[in-house]
């Protein structure tokens, strides 16, 4: 049984605007001064980055056994067994200051997987590792993890 499911994608206008603003000067310089090979390769690389961002998505699932976080097209799936979750807390954070931005990040506070916004659930494991999972519904995610922990504890005890 799945207690929580959420899918998020990079849909913010500012990301696409930033990509275009960063790409424009590069494309112009390559077309004006670059060799023929660069004229073909640079636009293809920029297109590939755009396509990657368009199709990448963060999928979070919580069931009785584990929290599964998959960042399709960007990072391998991560599975955290519920038995290894020491604490899970919905919180507001600064993606830029705490983790260096959006996407898959390693910051001073541990790993983060986020797409947008400034809310998520900080998961701490029994081994001491920390993972910030960005979410548009952090309280629901926190409640789902607590439910899984409670139900798993009830069957073991």
Protein backbone atom coordinates (compact mmCIF):
# COMPACT_ATOMS: atom_id res chain seq x y z
CA UNK A 1 0.00 0.00 0.00
CA UNK A 2 1.31 3.45 -0.94
CA UNK A 3 0.87 6.12 1.73
CA UNK A 4 2.20 9.02 -0.35
CA UNK A 5 2.99 9.74 -3.99
CA UNK A 6 4.14 13.01 -5.53
CA UNK A 7 5.61 13.94 -8.89
CA UNK A 8 7.25 17.30 -9.61
CA UNK A 9 8.86 18.76 -12.72
CA UNK A 10 10.93 21.81 -13.59
CA UNK A 11 8.11 24.07 -14.81
CA UNK A 12 9.18 27.44 -13.44
CA UNK A 13 9.44 30.20 -16.04
CA UNK A 14 12.58 31.60 -14.43
CA UNK A 15 14.51 28.37 -15.13
CA UNK A 16 13.67 28.50 -18.83
CA UNK A 17 14.35 32.26 -18.98
CA UNK A 18 17.73 31.74 -17.32
CA UNK A 19 18.57 28.93 -19.75
CA UNK A 20 17.74 31.13 -22.75
CA UNK A 21 19.62 34.14 -21.34
CA UNK A 22 22.69 31.99 -20.66
CA UNK A 23 22.50 30.28 -24.05
CA UNK A 24 21.95 33.32 -26.26
CA UNK A 25 25.42 34.90 -26.00
CA UNK A 26 27.08 31.51 -26.44
CA UNK A 27 25.07 30.74 -29.55
CA UNK A 28 25.69 34.20 -31.03
CA UNK A 29 29.45 34.05 -30.44
CA UNK A 30 29.66 30.53 -31.86
CA UNK A 31 27.74 31.50 -34.99
CA UNK A 32 29.80 34.66 -35.55
CA UNK A 33 33.30 33.43 -34.71
CA UNK A 34 33.18 29.67 -34.26
CA UNK A 35 34.26 26.90 -36.58
CA UNK A 36 31.61 24.90 -38.43
CA UNK A 37 31.79 22.00 -35.96
CA UNK A 38 31.06 24.34 -33.01
CA UNK A 39 28.16 25.90 -34.87
CA UNK A 40 26.51 22.48 -34.98
CA UNK A 41 27.55 21.08 -31.56
CA UNK A 42 26.80 24.00 -29.19
CA UNK A 43 23.12 24.37 -30.17
CA UNK A 44 22.70 20.59 -29.89
CA UNK A 45 24.18 20.61 -26.38
CA UNK A 46 21.90 23.47 -25.33
CA UNK A 47 18.91 21.66 -26.82
CA UNK A 48 19.88 18.48 -24.96
CA UNK A 49 20.03 20.38 -21.64
CA UNK A 50 16.60 21.87 -22.33
CA UNK A 51 15.11 18.49 -23.21
CA UNK A 52 16.67 16.93 -20.12
CA UNK A 53 15.10 19.59 -17.88
CA UNK A 54 11.76 19.26 -19.67
CA UNK A 55 11.55 15.52 -19.04
CA UNK A 56 13.28 15.26 -15.65
CA UNK A 57 10.93 14.69 -12.74
CA UNK A 58 11.20 14.09 -9.02
CA UNK A 59 9.02 11.21 -7.85
CA UNK A 60 8.58 10.48 -4.14
CA UNK A 61 6.76 7.42 -2.83
CA UNK A 62 6.26 6.23 0.73
CA UNK A 63 4.99 2.75 1.48
CA UNK A 64 5.15 0.49 4.50
CA UNK A 65 8.70 -0.60 3.70
CA UNK A 66 10.56 2.46 2.38
CA UNK A 67 10.78 6.01 1.14
CA UNK A 68 11.68 5.91 -2.52
CA UNK A 69 13.00 9.04 -4.22
CA UNK A 70 13.66 8.96 -7.95
CA UNK A 71 14.93 11.92 -9.96
CA UNK A 72 14.25 10.52 -13.42
CA UNK A 73 16.90 11.38 -16.03
CA UNK A 74 19.11 13.10 -13.44
CA UNK A 75 19.98 10.73 -10.60
CA UNK A 76 19.64 7.06 -9.62
CA UNK A 77 16.69 6.01 -7.50
CA UNK A 78 17.30 6.12 -3.75
CA UNK A 79 15.47 3.85 -1.34
CA UNK A 80 15.50 4.50 2.40
CA UNK A 81 14.05 1.64 4.45
CA UNK A 82 11.51 2.89 7.00
CA UNK A 83 13.36 0.93 9.69
CA UNK A 84 16.39 3.18 9.09
CA UNK A 85 14.47 6.46 9.42
CA UNK A 86 15.30 8.08 12.73
CA UNK A 87 13.40 11.30 12.09
CA UNK A 88 11.42 12.98 9.32
CA UNK A 89 10.42 16.60 9.70
CA UNK A 90 8.52 18.93 7.38
CA UNK A 91 10.44 22.17 7.20
CA UNK A 92 11.03 25.37 5.29
CA UNK A 93 14.56 25.84 3.96
CA UNK A 94 16.59 27.91 1.54
CA UNK A 95 17.48 25.80 -1.51
CA UNK A 96 20.17 28.25 -2.59
CA UNK A 97 21.78 28.97 0.80
CA UNK A 98 21.39 25.52 2.37
CA UNK A 99 22.10 23.32 -0.65
CA UNK A 100 23.34 25.47 -3.52
CA UNK A 101 20.17 25.48 -5.63
CA UNK A 102 17.70 23.08 -7.20
CA UNK A 103 18.19 19.59 -8.55
CA UNK A 104 20.43 17.04 -6.87
CA UNK A 105 22.68 18.87 -4.42
CA UNK A 106 25.14 18.15 -1.66
CA UNK A 107 25.29 21.00 0.83
CA UNK A 108 26.46 21.68 4.35
CA UNK A 109 23.27 20.10 5.67
CA UNK A 110 23.49 16.91 3.60
CA UNK A 111 21.92 15.86 0.31
CA UNK A 112 18.90 17.56 -1.24
CA UNK A 113 16.65 16.55 -4.11
CA UNK A 114 14.33 19.39 -5.05
CA UNK A 115 12.58 20.94 -8.01
CA UNK A 116 10.91 24.11 -6.78
CA UNK A 117 9.82 26.00 -3.73
CA UNK A 118 11.32 26.18 -0.27
CA UNK A 119 9.50 23.41 1.57
CA UNK A 120 10.37 19.79 2.09
CA UNK A 121 10.96 16.99 4.53
CA UNK A 122 14.34 16.49 6.15
CA UNK A 123 14.90 12.77 6.64
CA UNK A 124 17.58 11.67 9.09
CA UNK A 125 18.61 8.02 9.14
CA UNK A 126 19.91 5.89 11.98
CA UNK A 127 23.36 6.03 10.34
CA UNK A 128 23.35 9.84 10.60
CA UNK A 129 22.86 10.68 6.91
CA UNK A 130 20.42 13.44 6.00
CA UNK A 131 18.30 13.93 2.90
CA UNK A 132 16.12 16.95 2.18
CA UNK A 133 13.25 15.92 -0.07
CA UNK A 134 11.63 18.94 -1.70
CA UNK A 135 7.84 18.70 -1.70
CA UNK A 136 4.80 20.79 -2.49
CA UNK A 137 3.00 18.78 0.22
CA UNK A 138 5.57 18.46 3.03
CA UNK A 139 3.11 17.90 5.89
CA UNK A 140 1.48 15.01 4.00
CA UNK A 141 4.89 13.49 3.26
CA UNK A 142 5.92 13.78 6.90
CA UNK A 143 2.62 12.19 8.03
CA UNK A 144 3.03 9.32 5.54
CA UNK A 145 6.53 8.55 6.84
CA UNK A 146 5.28 8.64 10.44
CA UNK A 147 2.39 6.34 9.53
CA UNK A 148 4.76 3.86 7.88
CA UNK A 149 7.05 3.94 10.94
CA UNK A 150 4.09 3.43 13.28
CA UNK A 151 2.63 0.55 11.29
CA UNK A 152 6.00 -1.12 10.83
CA UNK A 153 6.67 -0.80 14.55
CA UNK A 154 3.27 -2.31 15.39
CA UNK A 155 3.99 -5.46 13.38
CA UNK A 156 7.45 -5.90 14.92
CA UNK A 157 6.45 -5.24 18.50
